[in-house]
């Protein structure tokens, strides 16, 4: 697990009941809180790389989660 300066962002993927749809969930833990940074439906059947647009959004939300966690702790 990472710390506030170098947090560990976890990625979870799963298959729905139809066996066709995949979703990725990016989470990070600060203290007792788990922040969900991003979820999306994976549409491509090729490649495993997350699109840059999604990575940028995850990074922005990570900063917000860090700031929130710091504010809650005070």
N, C-alpha and C. Protein backbone atom coordinates (compact mmCIF):
# COMPACT_ATOMS: atom_id res chain seq x y z
N UNK A 1 0.85 -1.18 0.00
CA UNK A 1 0.00 0.00 0.00
C UNK A 1 0.89 1.23 0.00
N UNK A 2 0.52 2.25 -0.76
CA UNK A 2 1.29 3.47 -0.85
C UNK A 2 0.97 4.44 0.26
N UNK A 3 1.77 5.48 0.36
CA UNK A 3 1.48 6.54 1.33
C UNK A 3 0.92 7.74 0.58
N UNK A 4 0.68 8.84 1.31
CA UNK A 4 0.05 10.01 0.68
C UNK A 4 0.89 10.62 -0.44
N UNK A 5 2.20 10.52 -0.34
CA UNK A 5 3.04 11.08 -1.39
C UNK A 5 3.20 10.14 -2.57
N UNK A 6 3.03 8.85 -2.32
CA UNK A 6 3.17 7.85 -3.37
C UNK A 6 2.09 6.79 -3.20
N UNK A 7 0.82 7.16 -3.44
CA UNK A 7 -0.28 6.23 -3.18
C UNK A 7 -0.31 5.09 -4.19
N UNK A 8 -0.83 3.97 -3.77
CA UNK A 8 -1.02 2.83 -4.65
C UNK A 8 -2.45 2.87 -5.18
N UNK A 9 -2.57 2.99 -6.46
CA UNK A 9 -3.89 2.97 -7.10
C UNK A 9 -4.11 1.54 -7.61
N UNK A 10 -5.19 0.93 -7.17
CA UNK A 10 -5.50 -0.44 -7.58
C UNK A 10 -6.50 -0.44 -8.72
N UNK A 11 -6.36 -1.41 -9.59
CA UNK A 11 -7.21 -1.56 -10.76
C UNK A 11 -7.91 -2.91 -10.68
N UNK A 12 -9.22 -2.91 -10.76
CA UNK A 12 -10.01 -4.14 -10.73
C UNK A 12 -10.82 -4.23 -12.01
N UNK A 13 -10.80 -5.38 -12.63
CA UNK A 13 -11.61 -5.62 -13.82
C UNK A 13 -12.46 -6.85 -13.58
N UNK A 14 -13.64 -6.85 -14.14
CA UNK A 14 -14.51 -8.02 -13.99
C UNK A 14 -15.44 -8.15 -15.18
N UNK A 15 -16.02 -9.31 -15.29
CA UNK A 15 -16.92 -9.64 -16.39
C UNK A 15 -18.36 -9.63 -15.87
N UNK A 16 -19.29 -9.09 -16.65
CA UNK A 16 -20.68 -9.08 -16.20
C UNK A 16 -21.34 -10.43 -16.45
N UNK A 17 -22.61 -10.53 -16.13
CA UNK A 17 -23.33 -11.80 -16.24
C UNK A 17 -23.42 -12.31 -17.68
N UNK A 18 -23.37 -11.40 -18.66
CA UNK A 18 -23.43 -11.80 -20.06
C UNK A 18 -22.10 -12.36 -20.54
N UNK A 19 -21.04 -12.10 -19.79
CA UNK A 19 -19.72 -12.57 -20.19
C UNK A 19 -19.10 -11.75 -21.29
N UNK A 20 -19.65 -10.58 -21.56
CA UNK A 20 -19.15 -9.76 -22.66
C UNK A 20 -18.61 -8.41 -22.22
N UNK A 21 -19.08 -7.88 -21.14
CA UNK A 21 -18.75 -6.51 -20.78
C UNK A 21 -17.74 -6.50 -19.64
N UNK A 22 -16.69 -5.70 -19.80
CA UNK A 22 -15.68 -5.56 -18.75
C UNK A 22 -15.70 -4.13 -18.23
N UNK A 23 -15.47 -3.98 -16.98
CA UNK A 23 -15.39 -2.67 -16.38
C UNK A 23 -14.11 -2.60 -15.57
N UNK A 24 -13.52 -1.44 -15.52
CA UNK A 24 -12.32 -1.25 -14.71
C UNK A 24 -12.66 -0.24 -13.63
N UNK A 25 -12.21 -0.51 -12.44
CA UNK A 25 -12.43 0.39 -11.31
C UNK A 25 -11.06 0.71 -10.72
N UNK A 26 -10.77 1.99 -10.59
CA UNK A 26 -9.50 2.43 -10.01
C UNK A 26 -9.78 3.00 -8.63
N UNK A 27 -9.14 2.43 -7.62
CA UNK A 27 -9.38 2.85 -6.24
C UNK A 27 -8.05 3.16 -5.55
N UNK A 28 -8.14 3.98 -4.49
CA UNK A 28 -6.98 4.28 -3.65
C UNK A 28 -7.49 4.39 -2.22
N UNK A 29 -6.66 3.97 -1.26
CA UNK A 29 -7.05 4.02 0.15
C UNK A 29 -6.19 5.06 0.87
N UNK A 30 -6.87 5.92 1.62
CA UNK A 30 -6.22 6.87 2.52
C UNK A 30 -6.86 6.66 3.88
N UNK A 31 -6.08 6.20 4.85
CA UNK A 31 -6.63 5.94 6.17
C UNK A 31 -7.70 4.86 6.08
N UNK A 32 -8.88 5.14 6.63
CA UNK A 32 -9.98 4.18 6.61
C UNK A 32 -10.89 4.34 5.41
N UNK A 33 -10.60 5.30 4.54
CA UNK A 33 -11.46 5.58 3.39
C UNK A 33 -10.90 4.98 2.11
N UNK A 34 -11.79 4.45 1.30
CA UNK A 34 -11.43 3.98 -0.04
C UNK A 34 -12.12 4.91 -1.03
N UNK A 35 -11.34 5.53 -1.89
CA UNK A 35 -11.87 6.44 -2.91
C UNK A 35 -11.93 5.71 -4.24
N UNK A 36 -13.08 5.76 -4.89
CA UNK A 36 -13.21 5.23 -6.24
C UNK A 36 -12.89 6.37 -7.18
N UNK A 37 -11.81 6.23 -7.92
CA UNK A 37 -11.34 7.31 -8.79
C UNK A 37 -11.98 7.27 -10.17
N UNK A 38 -12.29 6.09 -10.67
CA UNK A 38 -12.84 6.01 -12.02
C UNK A 38 -13.37 4.61 -12.30
N UNK A 39 -14.44 4.54 -13.04
CA UNK A 39 -15.00 3.28 -13.53
C UNK A 39 -15.42 3.51 -14.97
N UNK A 40 -15.29 2.51 -15.80
CA UNK A 40 -15.77 2.66 -17.17
C UNK A 40 -15.99 1.30 -17.80
N UNK A 41 -16.78 1.31 -18.83
CA UNK A 41 -17.03 0.09 -19.58
C UNK A 41 -15.96 -0.05 -20.64
N UNK A 42 -15.28 -1.16 -20.63
CA UNK A 42 -14.25 -1.40 -21.63
C UNK A 42 -14.92 -1.89 -22.90
N UNK A 43 -14.71 -1.18 -23.97
CA UNK A 43 -15.37 -1.53 -25.22
C UNK A 43 -14.45 -2.24 -26.19
N UNK A 44 -13.16 -2.00 -26.09
CA UNK A 44 -12.21 -2.61 -27.00
C UNK A 44 -11.91 -4.04 -26.58
N UNK A 45 -11.82 -4.91 -27.54
CA UNK A 45 -11.45 -6.30 -27.26
C UNK A 45 -9.96 -6.50 -27.48
N UNK A 46 -9.29 -5.46 -28.01
CA UNK A 46 -7.86 -5.54 -28.27
C UNK A 46 -7.13 -4.65 -27.27
N UNK A 47 -6.00 -5.09 -26.84
CA UNK A 47 -5.17 -4.27 -25.98
C UNK A 47 -5.72 -4.14 -24.57
N UNK A 48 -4.84 -3.80 -23.64
CA UNK A 48 -5.25 -3.66 -22.25
C UNK A 48 -4.94 -2.28 -21.70
N UNK A 49 -4.37 -1.44 -22.54
CA UNK A 49 -3.95 -0.12 -22.08
C UNK A 49 -5.15 0.81 -21.88
N UNK A 50 -5.16 1.49 -20.75
CA UNK A 50 -6.21 2.47 -20.47
C UNK A 50 -5.94 3.73 -21.29
N UNK A 51 -6.94 4.28 -21.96
CA UNK A 51 -6.74 5.48 -22.78
C UNK A 51 -6.19 6.65 -21.95
N UNK A 52 -5.35 7.47 -22.60
CA UNK A 52 -4.71 8.61 -21.93
C UNK A 52 -5.74 9.53 -21.28
N UNK A 53 -6.85 9.77 -21.94
CA UNK A 53 -7.91 10.63 -21.40
C UNK A 53 -8.38 10.10 -20.04
N UNK A 54 -8.54 8.80 -19.93
CA UNK A 54 -8.96 8.20 -18.66
C UNK A 54 -7.85 8.30 -17.61
N UNK A 55 -6.60 8.09 -18.01
CA UNK A 55 -5.47 8.20 -17.08
C UNK A 55 -5.38 9.61 -16.53
N UNK A 56 -5.54 10.61 -17.40
CA UNK A 56 -5.51 12.01 -16.94
C UNK A 56 -6.62 12.29 -15.93
N UNK A 57 -7.80 11.77 -16.19
CA UNK A 57 -8.93 11.95 -15.28
C UNK A 57 -8.65 11.27 -13.93
N UNK A 58 -8.08 10.08 -13.96
CA UNK A 58 -7.73 9.36 -12.74
C UNK A 58 -6.70 10.16 -11.93
N UNK A 59 -5.70 10.72 -12.60
CA UNK A 59 -4.68 11.52 -11.90
C UNK A 59 -5.30 12.75 -11.24
N UNK A 60 -6.21 13.42 -11.96
CA UNK A 60 -6.89 14.60 -11.39
C UNK A 60 -7.72 14.20 -10.17
N UNK A 61 -8.43 13.11 -10.28
CA UNK A 61 -9.26 12.66 -9.15
C UNK A 61 -8.41 12.18 -7.98
N UNK A 62 -7.24 11.63 -8.27
CA UNK A 62 -6.34 11.21 -7.20
C UNK A 62 -5.90 12.42 -6.38
N UNK A 63 -5.57 13.52 -7.06
CA UNK A 63 -5.19 14.75 -6.36
C UNK A 63 -6.34 15.25 -5.48
N UNK A 64 -7.56 15.20 -6.01
CA UNK A 64 -8.73 15.61 -5.23
C UNK A 64 -8.93 14.71 -4.01
N UNK A 65 -8.74 13.41 -4.20
CA UNK A 65 -8.89 12.47 -3.08
C UNK A 65 -7.83 12.72 -2.02
N UNK A 66 -6.60 12.99 -2.45
CA UNK A 66 -5.53 13.30 -1.50
C UNK A 66 -5.86 14.56 -0.70
N UNK A 67 -6.32 15.59 -1.38
CA UNK A 67 -6.68 16.83 -0.71
C UNK A 67 -7.84 16.61 0.26
N UNK A 68 -8.82 15.84 -0.15
CA UNK A 68 -9.96 15.56 0.70
C UNK A 68 -9.52 14.80 1.95
N UNK A 69 -8.68 13.77 1.75
CA UNK A 69 -8.21 12.97 2.87
C UNK A 69 -7.42 13.83 3.86
N UNK A 70 -6.63 14.75 3.38
CA UNK A 70 -5.87 15.64 4.25
C UNK A 70 -6.82 16.56 5.03
N UNK A 71 -7.87 17.07 4.37
CA UNK A 71 -8.83 17.94 5.01
C UNK A 71 -9.64 17.23 6.07
N UNK A 72 -9.98 15.98 5.83
CA UNK A 72 -10.77 15.19 6.78
C UNK A 72 -9.93 14.90 8.03
N UNK A 73 -8.64 14.69 7.83
CA UNK A 73 -7.77 14.31 8.95
C UNK A 73 -7.54 15.47 9.91
N UNK A 74 -7.64 16.71 9.43
CA UNK A 74 -7.36 17.89 10.28
C UNK A 74 -8.44 18.11 11.31
